Amino acid sequence: MTSEPLHIFDPRRNVQLQGFAGRAATTTIHDATETGVSISGIFQAAEDFAVLGWWNANDYFNHLRLKHLPKTDLSGLKLEFDIEYDQALDGAIRLDAAKYPSVSWDAMTFVTGAGDSHEVRLLDHVTVVSGSEAAATVLIDISGKENMDGGIDWLHLYFRDTRYTVTSSDCRVETQLRANVNAGDITLPVQSSAGFDTGDGIWIERAGRNEEETTVIGAGTGTIHASVSMGHPSGSFVTRKTKAWHVAKKLADIINTVGASVAGRFGPDQSGVIHAQAWASGPSTGGVTLTFALGAGATARYGKLGNLDRVFVAHGRTLAGVPVSVGQGYLAGPTSITLTTAWQRFKITGTLAAGQTGLWIVVRQFAGNGDNWTSGAIYLWGACLQQGNDPKAGYARTWASQTAAVAAGIACGATVIAAKDNAESPLRIYGPGSNLADHRLVEVTAGGELILAGGTGSGYRLAELMGATNPSGWSGVLKVKTPAGTTAGYILLYSNP
């Protein structure tokens, strides 16, 4: 019978996997040799893990013939091993990444006989053998240009617990002419040329009598070089067209600015973790590249295999405080409608752009032609959404949002109407034939009283059924009020007509 010495830390005998109830992957050891071991597993979630046990003093797992004697004193033991990172491996992270810190990924854990545990961070004792770490980057594309109709375009970038916000107003740059310029001039003396660069589009006297658009071909101290086709007096405003590149540059400046308080930044300073670089790729396209800082030694890492936090970007547009379609200007419209005091019927059509899932139909005063509705309310009765030209592909008339289409037709069966509280009416019906000032036809009040417009007069409110004491022989009375709630009189009810 051959004999073989038993060694501790023998991958074929003394190495085992440690499992945890309720978490960890399904793993197994295989292909063990004198110098190494392989581990394979089924990882069902990003936080799943497998723990390799290097040494157990009591060796609970081996056969009695192969068990070593208990050994708790490992004084003088020195462990050396290499760690190799493959940056092309999708989903791999560094040992010291802070994601899913349910266990100490970057440490070896020692449990003493007394049951207390101690951890030794591996990267505190590491020496780089070869290679380098690639920084993690995030590319954010921005496109478009400002629509100067009074609206505001905005962009939010969220990183950790910090929000960075840039609006089209923040990026606007404007100056004034210091002297008159004539048609054909290419040098414009201005109060300040800061923010104007070659290739920028500019307006001169925007919305003025001699409005003109041109392109900057150069800029110097106190001068902008651009060809003009008409004369402009001293003091005329020169306005830069805001494009994607300007938004990207403004965003990058906010991210990179160090300090406790920075305009456009809402949250702590993250410039030690991420650095932003703005770039332009066309007349109205650009973007920002976020690069994560690389740590040194035991510093937390943000390389390609490091703790890459989520970066979220949102953008939108408001006009007169009302959200409008995402992007520049309107998707369709605006459509101007002339209102009169008579009832009118209109059809408003909106179109979803490619790739979009939401649509706003906004009805508001349109002052583009100088009109102004100065007094009186504008009522929108019977408004409903309809998909296409088929009236049966409609959405139910409702004051709230609705996601499911309801086919038009006659409703059969019980209908339940629930009031939201004990103060508001659960049911009102309006129509142009009502003689009431607000065009109510029928209303059920929160207290259960019924208001009818009636053919003439000011309407009636049927309130409550009461007993009749005078004259005798009548079964009761029905109290009648005005729509405002003032008692107007009683209707006698006879029990045996």
Protein backbone atom coordinates (compact mmCIF):
# COMPACT_ATOMS: atom_id res chain seq x y z
CA MET A 1 0.00 0.00 0.00
CA THR A 2 1.51 3.28 -1.07
CA SER A 3 1.63 6.20 1.31
CA GLU A 4 1.55 9.91 0.67
CA PRO A 5 2.15 12.79 3.05
CA LEU A 6 -0.86 14.97 3.83
CA HIS A 7 -0.33 18.70 3.42
CA ILE A 8 -2.52 21.49 4.61
CA PHE A 9 -3.82 23.85 1.89
CA ASP A 10 -3.93 20.94 -0.53
CA PRO A 11 -6.61 21.89 -3.10
CA ARG A 12 -7.41 18.21 -3.59
CA ARG A 13 -8.25 17.57 0.08
CA ASN A 14 -8.46 20.60 2.36
CA VAL A 15 -10.20 23.27 0.30
CA GLN A 16 -13.99 23.51 0.43
CA LEU A 17 -16.81 25.91 -0.41
CA GLN A 18 -18.64 27.75 2.33
CA GLY A 19 -22.35 28.27 1.75
CA PHE A 20 -24.85 30.60 3.37
CA ALA A 21 -28.54 29.97 3.92
CA GLY A 22 -30.80 32.23 1.85
CA ARG A 23 -28.08 33.70 -0.33
CA ALA A 24 -25.01 32.73 -2.39
CA ALA A 25 -24.74 30.90 -5.68
CA THR A 26 -24.97 27.19 -6.42
CA THR A 27 -21.28 26.28 -6.86
CA THR A 28 -18.95 23.33 -6.99
CA ILE A 29 -15.20 22.62 -6.91
CA HIS A 30 -13.73 20.66 -9.79
CA ASP A 31 -10.45 19.91 -11.58
CA ALA A 32 -8.41 20.17 -8.37
CA THR A 33 -4.65 19.62 -8.65
CA GLU A 34 -1.73 20.00 -6.29
CA THR A 35 -1.42 23.66 -7.28
CA GLY A 36 -4.92 24.88 -8.05
CA VAL A 37 -8.65 24.42 -8.14
CA SER A 38 -11.52 25.57 -10.34
CA ILE A 39 -14.92 26.78 -9.15
CA SER A 40 -18.05 26.90 -11.29
CA GLY A 41 -21.48 28.07 -10.27
CA ILE A 42 -24.92 29.25 -11.23
CA PHE A 43 -25.25 32.93 -10.35
CA GLN A 44 -28.87 34.02 -10.44
CA ALA A 45 -28.40 37.58 -9.14
CA ALA A 46 -25.63 40.16 -9.19
CA GLU A 47 -25.11 39.83 -5.44
CA ASP A 48 -24.66 36.03 -5.53
CA PHE A 49 -21.25 34.82 -4.41
CA ALA A 50 -19.18 31.74 -3.61
CA VAL A 51 -16.77 31.58 -0.66
CA LEU A 52 -13.69 29.38 -0.87
CA GLY A 53 -12.60 27.98 2.48
CA TRP A 54 -8.81 27.54 2.54
CA TRP A 55 -8.35 25.93 5.92
CA ASN A 56 -10.51 24.43 8.61
CA ALA A 57 -8.68 23.31 11.73
CA ASN A 58 -11.13 20.47 12.40
CA ASP A 59 -11.66 19.42 8.76
CA TYR A 60 -15.33 18.50 9.02
CA PHE A 61 -15.65 17.34 5.43
CA ASN A 62 -12.92 14.76 4.72
CA HIS A 63 -13.01 11.02 5.29
CA LEU A 64 -11.56 9.88 8.62
CA ARG A 65 -8.61 8.22 6.84
CA LEU A 66 -7.71 11.50 5.14
CA LYS A 67 -8.34 13.96 7.93
CA HIS A 68 -5.42 15.91 9.29
CA LEU A 69 -4.92 16.49 12.96
CA PRO A 70 -6.36 19.73 14.33
CA LYS A 71 -3.92 22.59 13.86
CA THR A 72 -4.78 26.05 15.10
CA ASP A 73 -1.35 27.66 15.16
CA LEU A 74 -0.36 28.95 11.72
CA SER A 75 2.36 31.31 12.93
CA GLY A 76 4.88 32.23 10.23
CA LEU A 77 2.55 31.25 7.40
CA LYS A 78 2.91 33.43 4.31
CA LEU A 79 0.34 33.28 1.52
CA GLU A 80 1.21 34.53 -1.95
CA PHE A 81 -1.08 34.45 -4.98
CA ASP A 82 -1.80 36.46 -8.10
CA ILE A 83 -5.04 38.25 -8.95
CA GLU A 84 -5.72 38.78 -12.62
CA TYR A 85 -8.48 41.05 -13.90
CA ASP A 86 -9.94 40.59 -17.36
CA GLN A 87 -11.41 43.95 -18.36
CA ALA A 88 -13.09 42.39 -21.39
CA LEU A 89 -15.15 40.07 -19.17
CA ASP A 90 -18.69 41.42 -19.17
CA GLY A 91 -20.09 41.94 -15.67
CA ALA A 92 -16.80 41.40 -13.82
CA ILE A 93 -15.93 43.79 -10.98
CA ARG A 94 -12.89 44.36 -8.81
CA LEU A 95 -12.48 42.72 -5.43
CA ASP A 96 -12.67 46.11 -3.71
CA ALA A 97 -15.80 47.32 -5.53
CA ALA A 98 -18.40 48.52 -3.05
CA LYS A 99 -21.36 46.99 -4.88
CA TYR A 100 -23.46 44.53 -2.86
CA PRO A 101 -21.31 44.79 0.31
CA SER A 102 -23.04 41.87 2.03
CA VAL A 103 -19.59 40.33 2.54
CA SER A 104 -16.07 41.74 2.53
CA TRP A 105 -15.13 41.00 -1.05
CA ASP A 106 -11.61 42.42 -0.77
CA ALA A 107 -10.55 40.66 2.44
CA MET A 108 -9.55 37.27 3.80
CA THR A 109 -11.54 36.33 6.89
CA PHE A 110 -10.04 34.39 9.80
CA VAL A 111 -12.23 32.82 12.50
CA THR A 112 -10.51 31.97 15.77
CA GLY A 113 -11.31 29.16 18.13
CA ALA A 114 -13.16 31.62 20.33
CA GLY A 115 -15.53 32.34 17.44
CA ASP A 116 -14.47 35.93 16.73
CA SER A 117 -13.50 36.88 13.18
CA HIS A 118 -10.77 39.09 11.73
CA GLU A 119 -10.36 40.44 8.22
CA VAL A 120 -7.21 41.34 6.28
CA ARG A 121 -7.69 43.58 3.24
CA LEU A 122 -5.82 42.05 0.33
CA LEU A 123 -5.17 45.25 -1.60
CA ASP A 124 -3.40 46.81 1.38
CA HIS A 125 -0.58 44.35 0.63
CA VAL A 126 -0.70 44.23 -3.16
CA THR A 127 1.98 45.01 -5.73
CA VAL A 128 1.08 45.60 -9.38
CA VAL A 129 2.84 43.01 -11.52
CA SER A 130 1.82 44.20 -14.98
CA GLY A 131 -0.90 45.97 -16.90
CA SER A 132 -3.01 48.94 -15.91
CA GLU A 133 -6.59 49.73 -15.13
CA ALA A 134 -8.91 51.23 -17.73
CA ALA A 135 -11.04 54.10 -16.50
CA ALA A 136 -14.79 53.66 -16.72
CA THR A 137 -16.55 56.11 -19.03
CA VAL A 138 -20.13 57.09 -19.82
CA LEU A 139 -21.04 58.74 -23.13
CA ILE A 140 -24.04 61.12 -23.22
CA ASP A 141 -25.22 62.38 -26.62
CA ILE A 142 -27.04 65.73 -26.84
CA SER A 143 -28.62 67.13 -30.00
CA GLY A 144 -30.82 70.04 -31.05
CA LYS A 145 -30.89 73.81 -30.73
CA GLU A 146 -32.93 76.31 -28.76
CA ASN A 147 -36.36 77.30 -30.02
CA MET A 148 -36.65 80.99 -29.12
CA ASP A 149 -40.41 81.07 -28.55
CA GLY A 150 -40.28 81.79 -24.84
CA GLY A 151 -40.08 78.15 -23.77
CA ILE A 152 -37.34 76.61 -21.65
CA ASP A 153 -35.50 73.39 -22.48
CA TRP A 154 -33.95 71.59 -19.52
CA LEU A 155 -31.65 68.63 -18.88
CA HIS A 156 -31.12 66.78 -15.58
CA LEU A 157 -28.19 64.43 -14.90
CA TYR A 158 -28.39 62.31 -11.76
CA PHE A 159 -25.34 60.68 -10.20
CA ARG A 160 -25.57 59.14 -6.74
CA ASP A 161 -27.42 61.68 -4.59
CA THR A 162 -26.53 64.69 -6.75
CA ARG A 163 -28.58 66.27 -9.53
CA TYR A 164 -27.04 68.54 -12.18
CA THR A 165 -29.48 70.79 -14.04
CA VAL A 166 -28.90 72.89 -17.17
CA THR A 167 -31.57 74.97 -18.90
CA SER A 168 -31.51 76.78 -22.21
CA SER A 169 -31.71 80.04 -20.24
CA ASP A 170 -28.51 79.14 -18.35
CA CYS A 171 -26.64 78.74 -21.64
CA ARG A 172 -27.85 81.96 -23.28
CA VAL A 173 -25.11 84.49 -24.08
CA GLU A 174 -25.86 88.06 -25.12
CA THR A 175 -23.89 91.27 -25.62
CA GLN A 176 -24.39 94.69 -27.27
CA LEU A 177 -22.72 96.58 -30.08
CA ARG A 178 -20.36 99.36 -28.95
CA ALA A 179 -20.68 101.23 -32.24
CA ASN A 180 -22.76 101.35 -35.41
CA VAL A 181 -22.09 98.69 -38.05
CA ASN A 182 -22.87 98.96 -41.74
CA ALA A 183 -23.95 96.45 -44.36
CA GLY A 184 -20.92 94.47 -45.53
CA ASP A 185 -18.92 94.91 -42.29
CA ILE A 186 -17.27 91.81 -40.84
CA THR A 187 -15.98 93.27 -37.58
CA LEU A 188 -18.54 93.91 -34.88
CA PRO A 189 -17.33 95.94 -31.88
CA VAL A 190 -19.11 94.54 -28.81
CA GLN A 191 -19.07 95.11 -25.08
CA SER A 192 -17.86 91.55 -24.49
CA SER A 193 -16.95 88.70 -26.81
CA ALA A 194 -16.90 86.09 -24.02
CA GLY A 195 -18.89 82.99 -24.97
CA PHE A 196 -18.79 83.65 -28.72
CA ASP A 197 -16.69 81.20 -30.73
CA THR A 198 -16.08 80.38 -34.38
CA GLY A 199 -19.04 78.56 -35.88
CA ASP A 200 -21.61 79.94 -33.45
CA GLY A 201 -24.85 81.22 -34.94
CA ILE A 202 -25.91 84.69 -33.75
CA TRP A 203 -28.85 87.04 -34.01
CA ILE A 204 -28.43 90.78 -34.30
CA GLU A 205 -31.45 92.80 -33.18
CA ARG A 206 -33.45 89.61 -32.60
CA ALA A 207 -37.19 90.36 -32.80
CA GLY A 208 -36.27 93.93 -33.78
CA ARG A 209 -36.77 95.93 -36.95
CA ASN A 210 -33.52 94.81 -38.59
CA GLU A 211 -33.31 91.27 -37.24
CA GLU A 212 -30.50 89.36 -38.91
CA GLU A 213 -28.92 85.93 -38.50
CA THR A 214 -25.28 85.27 -39.27
CA THR A 215 -22.37 83.02 -38.27
CA VAL A 216 -19.28 83.87 -36.21
CA ILE A 217 -16.07 83.43 -38.22
CA GLY A 218 -13.80 84.55 -35.41
CA ALA A 219 -13.70 86.41 -32.11
CA GLY A 220 -11.17 88.67 -30.40
CA THR A 221 -11.09 90.86 -27.35
CA GLY A 222 -14.10 93.14 -27.62
CA THR A 223 -14.87 92.13 -31.22
CA ILE A 224 -16.86 89.46 -33.03
CA HIS A 225 -16.09 88.74 -36.67
CA ALA A 226 -19.21 87.98 -38.71
CA SER A 227 -20.56 89.21 -42.04
CA VAL A 228 -23.70 91.39 -41.85
CA SER A 229 -26.01 92.32 -44.71
CA MET A 230 -27.64 95.38 -43.15
CA GLY A 231 -26.76 98.17 -40.80
CA HIS A 232 -27.30 98.03 -37.03
CA PRO A 233 -27.07 100.90 -34.56
CA SER A 234 -24.85 101.02 -31.49
CA GLY A 235 -26.49 99.28 -28.53
CA SER A 236 -28.14 96.60 -30.63
CA PHE A 237 -28.20 93.21 -28.92
CA VAL A 238 -26.14 90.32 -30.27
CA THR A 239 -27.55 86.97 -29.12
CA ARG A 240 -25.84 83.60 -29.48
CA LYS A 241 -27.95 80.67 -30.64
CA THR A 242 -27.84 77.99 -27.95
CA LYS A 243 -27.03 74.56 -29.40
CA ALA A 244 -26.23 71.12 -28.01
CA TRP A 245 -22.53 71.94 -27.68
CA HIS A 246 -23.26 74.88 -25.37
CA VAL A 247 -25.51 72.75 -23.16
CA ALA A 248 -22.81 70.06 -22.98
CA LYS A 249 -20.13 72.60 -22.06
CA LYS A 250 -22.30 74.17 -19.36
CA LEU A 251 -23.09 70.75 -17.90
CA ALA A 252 -19.41 69.76 -17.88
CA ASP A 253 -18.44 73.01 -16.13
CA ILE A 254 -21.00 72.41 -13.37
CA ILE A 255 -19.83 68.82 -12.82
CA ASN A 256 -16.14 69.76 -12.71
CA THR A 257 -16.50 72.82 -10.45
CA VAL A 258 -15.21 72.14 -6.94
CA GLY A 259 -17.02 73.74 -4.03
CA ALA A 260 -19.76 73.42 -1.47
CA SER A 261 -22.23 75.52 -3.47
CA VAL A 262 -22.35 75.55 -7.26
CA ALA A 263 -25.22 76.95 -9.36
CA GLY A 264 -26.94 74.09 -11.17
CA ARG A 265 -25.69 71.41 -8.78
CA PHE A 266 -28.10 70.07 -6.20
CA GLY A 267 -26.25 67.75 -3.83
CA PRO A 268 -22.67 67.08 -2.75
CA ASP A 269 -19.59 67.71 -4.90
CA GLN A 270 -18.76 64.60 -7.01
CA SER A 271 -15.82 66.09 -8.92
CA GLY A 272 -13.42 63.77 -7.07
CA VAL A 273 -15.26 60.76 -8.50
CA ILE A 274 -16.24 61.82 -12.03
CA HIS A 275 -14.78 64.25 -14.56
CA ALA A 276 -16.80 65.60 -17.49
CA GLN A 277 -15.48 66.48 -20.94
CA ALA A 278 -17.77 68.28 -23.40
CA TRP A 279 -17.42 67.73 -27.14
CA ALA A 280 -19.09 68.78 -30.39
CA SER A 281 -19.67 66.51 -33.39
CA GLY A 282 -21.71 68.77 -35.66
CA PRO A 283 -23.52 72.11 -35.92
CA SER A 284 -26.29 71.03 -33.53
CA THR A 285 -24.90 67.87 -31.94
CA GLY A 286 -22.52 67.28 -29.07
CA GLY A 287 -22.30 65.55 -25.76
CA VAL A 288 -20.48 64.88 -22.53
CA THR A 289 -18.11 62.05 -21.64
CA LEU A 290 -17.97 61.18 -17.93
CA THR A 291 -14.72 59.56 -16.81
CA PHE A 292 -14.51 57.90 -13.41
CA ALA A 293 -11.46 58.59 -11.27
CA LEU A 294 -8.93 55.80 -10.78
CA GLY A 295 -7.93 55.21 -7.17
CA ALA A 296 -4.43 54.39 -5.93
CA GLY A 297 -3.57 51.61 -3.52
CA ALA A 298 -6.45 50.80 -1.20
CA THR A 299 -8.53 53.75 -2.43
CA ALA A 300 -12.01 52.83 -3.65
CA ARG A 301 -11.89 52.11 -7.40
CA TYR A 302 -14.05 53.46 -10.20
CA GLY A 303 -12.31 51.79 -13.11
CA LYS A 304 -13.99 49.70 -15.76
CA LEU A 305 -14.28 46.84 -13.26
CA GLY A 306 -14.97 49.11 -10.32
CA ASN A 307 -18.02 50.47 -8.56
CA LEU A 308 -19.69 52.09 -11.56
CA ASP A 309 -22.75 53.86 -10.17
CA ARG A 310 -25.85 54.44 -12.26
CA VAL A 311 -26.03 57.65 -14.27
CA PHE A 312 -29.51 58.82 -15.23
CA VAL A 313 -30.32 61.62 -17.69
CA ALA A 314 -33.74 63.23 -18.24
CA HIS A 315 -34.77 66.13 -20.44
CA GLY A 316 -37.91 68.03 -21.33
CA ARG A 317 -39.44 71.36 -22.22
CA THR A 318 -41.91 73.84 -20.71
CA LEU A 319 -43.74 76.70 -22.39
CA ALA A 320 -45.47 79.26 -20.16
CA GLY A 321 -45.06 76.81 -17.27
CA VAL A 322 -46.80 73.97 -19.16
CA PRO A 323 -44.87 70.81 -20.17
CA VAL A 324 -44.85 70.37 -23.94
CA SER A 325 -43.53 67.67 -26.24
CA VAL A 326 -40.06 66.36 -25.51
CA GLY A 327 -37.58 68.07 -27.78
CA GLN A 328 -37.55 71.42 -29.48
CA GLY A 329 -40.87 73.14 -30.21
CA TYR A 330 -44.15 71.38 -30.92
CA LEU A 331 -44.61 67.95 -32.47
CA ALA A 332 -47.74 69.30 -34.17
CA GLY A 333 -49.28 72.75 -34.00
CA PRO A 334 -49.92 75.04 -32.36
CA THR A 335 -53.39 75.41 -33.85
CA SER A 336 -55.06 78.76 -33.34
CA ILE A 337 -58.85 78.75 -32.78
CA THR A 338 -61.05 81.84 -32.61
CA LEU A 339 -63.44 81.59 -29.65
CA THR A 340 -66.88 83.19 -29.44
CA THR A 341 -69.50 83.26 -26.70
CA ALA A 342 -71.48 80.53 -28.49
CA TRP A 343 -70.88 76.82 -28.08
CA GLN A 344 -68.35 75.50 -30.57
CA ARG A 345 -67.00 72.08 -31.48
CA PHE A 346 -63.34 71.51 -32.36
CA LYS A 347 -61.12 68.63 -33.32
CA ILE A 348 -57.53 68.73 -31.99
CA THR A 349 -55.06 66.29 -33.52
CA GLY A 350 -51.73 65.29 -31.98
CA THR A 351 -49.13 62.92 -33.43
CA LEU A 352 -46.65 60.74 -31.56
CA ALA A 353 -43.12 61.02 -32.92
CA ALA A 354 -41.10 57.88 -33.61
CA GLY A 355 -39.98 56.16 -30.43
CA GLN A 356 -42.15 58.27 -28.12
CA THR A 357 -44.77 56.80 -25.79
CA GLY A 358 -46.47 59.89 -24.33
CA LEU A 359 -48.48 62.70 -25.87
CA TRP A 360 -49.60 66.02 -24.41
CA ILE A 361 -52.61 67.86 -25.81
CA VAL A 362 -52.41 71.34 -24.30
CA VAL A 363 -55.23 73.88 -24.63
CA ARG A 364 -54.17 77.38 -23.64
CA GLN A 365 -54.36 81.01 -24.66
CA PHE A 366 -52.34 81.58 -27.82
CA ALA A 367 -50.98 85.12 -27.95
CA GLY A 368 -48.83 84.63 -31.04
CA ASN A 369 -51.27 86.65 -33.17
CA GLY A 370 -51.83 89.32 -30.54
CA ASP A 371 -55.22 88.01 -29.42
CA ASN A 372 -55.95 87.89 -25.72
CA TRP A 373 -58.92 86.34 -23.90
CA THR A 374 -59.19 88.89 -21.08
CA SER A 375 -62.36 87.87 -19.23
CA GLY A 376 -64.73 84.95 -18.77
CA ALA A 377 -64.06 81.23 -18.36
CA ILE A 378 -63.34 78.83 -21.21
CA TYR A 379 -65.17 75.51 -20.71
CA LEU A 380 -64.14 72.27 -22.42
CA TRP A 381 -67.17 69.99 -22.20
CA GLY A 382 -67.36 66.46 -23.51
CA ALA A 383 -63.66 66.26 -24.30
CA CYS A 384 -62.50 62.74 -25.10
CA LEU A 385 -59.49 61.09 -26.70
CA GLN A 386 -59.98 59.20 -29.93
CA GLN A 387 -57.39 57.11 -31.75
CA GLY A 388 -57.58 57.67 -35.49
CA ASN A 389 -60.88 58.41 -37.25
CA ASP A 390 -62.92 55.57 -35.76
CA PRO A 391 -65.21 57.02 -33.05
CA LYS A 392 -65.40 53.59 -31.43
CA ALA A 393 -61.63 53.63 -30.80
CA GLY A 394 -62.20 56.25 -28.14
CA TYR A 395 -61.27 56.76 -24.53
CA ALA A 396 -63.93 57.42 -21.93
CA ARG A 397 -64.65 61.05 -21.10
CA THR A 398 -62.93 61.67 -17.83
CA TRP A 399 -61.31 64.38 -15.74
CA ALA A 400 -58.38 62.10 -14.87
CA SER A 401 -55.84 60.24 -16.95
CA GLN A 402 -56.88 56.91 -18.41
CA THR A 403 -54.81 54.19 -20.03
CA ALA A 404 -57.39 51.74 -21.36
CA ALA A 405 -59.62 52.41 -24.37
CA VAL A 406 -63.39 52.08 -23.90
CA ALA A 407 -65.59 51.25 -26.89
CA ALA A 408 -68.37 53.72 -27.64
CA GLY A 409 -71.99 52.54 -27.39
CA ILE A 410 -74.77 51.89 -24.89
CA ALA A 411 -73.78 50.83 -21.38
CA CYS A 412 -75.78 47.91 -19.97
CA GLY A 413 -75.86 46.87 -16.34
CA ALA A 414 -75.27 48.69 -13.09
CA THR A 415 -73.12 51.81 -13.05
CA VAL A 416 -71.40 52.86 -9.83
CA ILE A 417 -70.25 56.44 -9.24
CA ALA A 418 -68.16 57.02 -6.13
CA ALA A 419 -67.52 60.50 -4.71
CA LYS A 420 -63.96 61.27 -3.64
CA ASP A 421 -65.12 62.97 -0.37
CA ASN A 422 -68.19 64.27 1.47
CA ALA A 423 -67.93 67.79 0.06
CA GLU A 424 -67.74 67.44 -3.71
CA SER A 425 -70.63 66.49 -5.97
CA PRO A 426 -70.26 62.96 -7.40
CA LEU A 427 -72.25 63.80 -10.56
CA ARG A 428 -72.69 66.90 -12.71
CA ILE A 429 -74.08 67.10 -16.26
CA TYR A 430 -73.56 70.24 -18.34
CA GLY A 431 -74.98 71.28 -21.67
CA PRO A 432 -75.61 74.31 -23.88
CA GLY A 433 -79.39 74.01 -23.36
CA SER A 434 -79.19 74.84 -19.65
CA ASN A 435 -80.59 78.15 -18.45
CA LEU A 436 -78.17 78.28 -15.50
CA ALA A 437 -75.15 80.56 -15.61
CA ASP A 438 -72.65 77.68 -15.49
CA HIS A 439 -74.69 75.54 -17.97
CA ARG A 440 -75.55 72.80 -15.46
CA LEU A 441 -78.38 70.49 -16.50
CA VAL A 442 -78.36 68.03 -13.56
CA GLU A 443 -76.33 67.73 -10.38
CA VAL A 444 -76.39 65.42 -7.37
CA THR A 445 -74.95 67.26 -4.38
CA ALA A 446 -72.67 65.68 -1.81
CA GLY A 447 -75.68 65.54 0.56
CA GLY A 448 -77.87 63.67 -1.93
CA GLU A 449 -79.98 66.61 -3.12
CA LEU A 450 -80.93 66.85 -6.80
CA ILE A 451 -80.51 70.06 -8.81
CA LEU A 452 -82.45 70.42 -12.08
CA ALA A 453 -82.00 73.32 -14.46
CA GLY A 454 -85.63 73.23 -15.61
CA GLY A 455 -86.93 74.78 -18.77
CA THR A 456 -87.00 78.35 -17.48
CA GLY A 457 -86.08 80.30 -14.39
CA SER A 458 -83.07 79.73 -12.18
CA GLY A 459 -83.37 75.99 -11.63
CA TYR A 460 -84.67 73.88 -8.76
CA ARG A 461 -83.07 71.87 -5.98
CA LEU A 462 -85.14 68.95 -4.65
CA ALA A 463 -83.93 68.58 -1.10
CA GLU A 464 -85.74 66.33 1.38
CA LEU A 465 -89.00 64.48 1.96
CA MET A 466 -90.78 65.69 5.11
CA GLY A 467 -94.01 64.91 6.97
CA ALA A 468 -96.99 67.25 6.45
CA THR A 469 -98.93 68.48 9.48
CA ASN A 470 -101.16 71.08 7.82
CA PRO A 471 -103.45 70.63 6.02
CA SER A 472 -104.49 67.18 7.24
CA GLY A 473 -104.82 64.29 4.79
CA TRP A 474 -101.54 64.94 2.99
CA SER A 475 -98.79 62.31 3.29
CA GLY A 476 -95.83 64.67 3.20
CA VAL A 477 -94.02 67.51 1.52
CA LEU A 478 -90.96 67.77 -0.72
CA LYS A 479 -88.73 70.71 0.17
CA VAL A 480 -87.61 72.75 -2.84
CA LYS A 481 -84.58 75.02 -2.74
CA THR A 482 -82.78 77.30 -5.13
CA PRO A 483 -79.59 75.84 -6.66
CA ALA A 484 -77.64 77.88 -4.11
CA GLY A 485 -79.43 76.11 -1.21
CA THR A 486 -82.02 78.69 -0.08
CA THR A 487 -85.46 77.21 0.70
CA ALA A 488 -87.94 78.29 -1.97
CA GLY A 489 -91.04 76.36 -0.86
CA TYR A 490 -92.68 72.94 -0.53
CA ILE A 491 -94.54 70.51 -2.81
CA LEU A 492 -97.47 68.75 -1.06
CA LEU A 493 -97.75 64.97 -1.53
CA TYR A 494 -101.24 63.37 -1.34
CA SER A 495 -101.44 59.70 -0.30
CA ASN A 496 -104.68 58.77 -2.08
CA PRO A 497 -105.40 60.97 -5.12
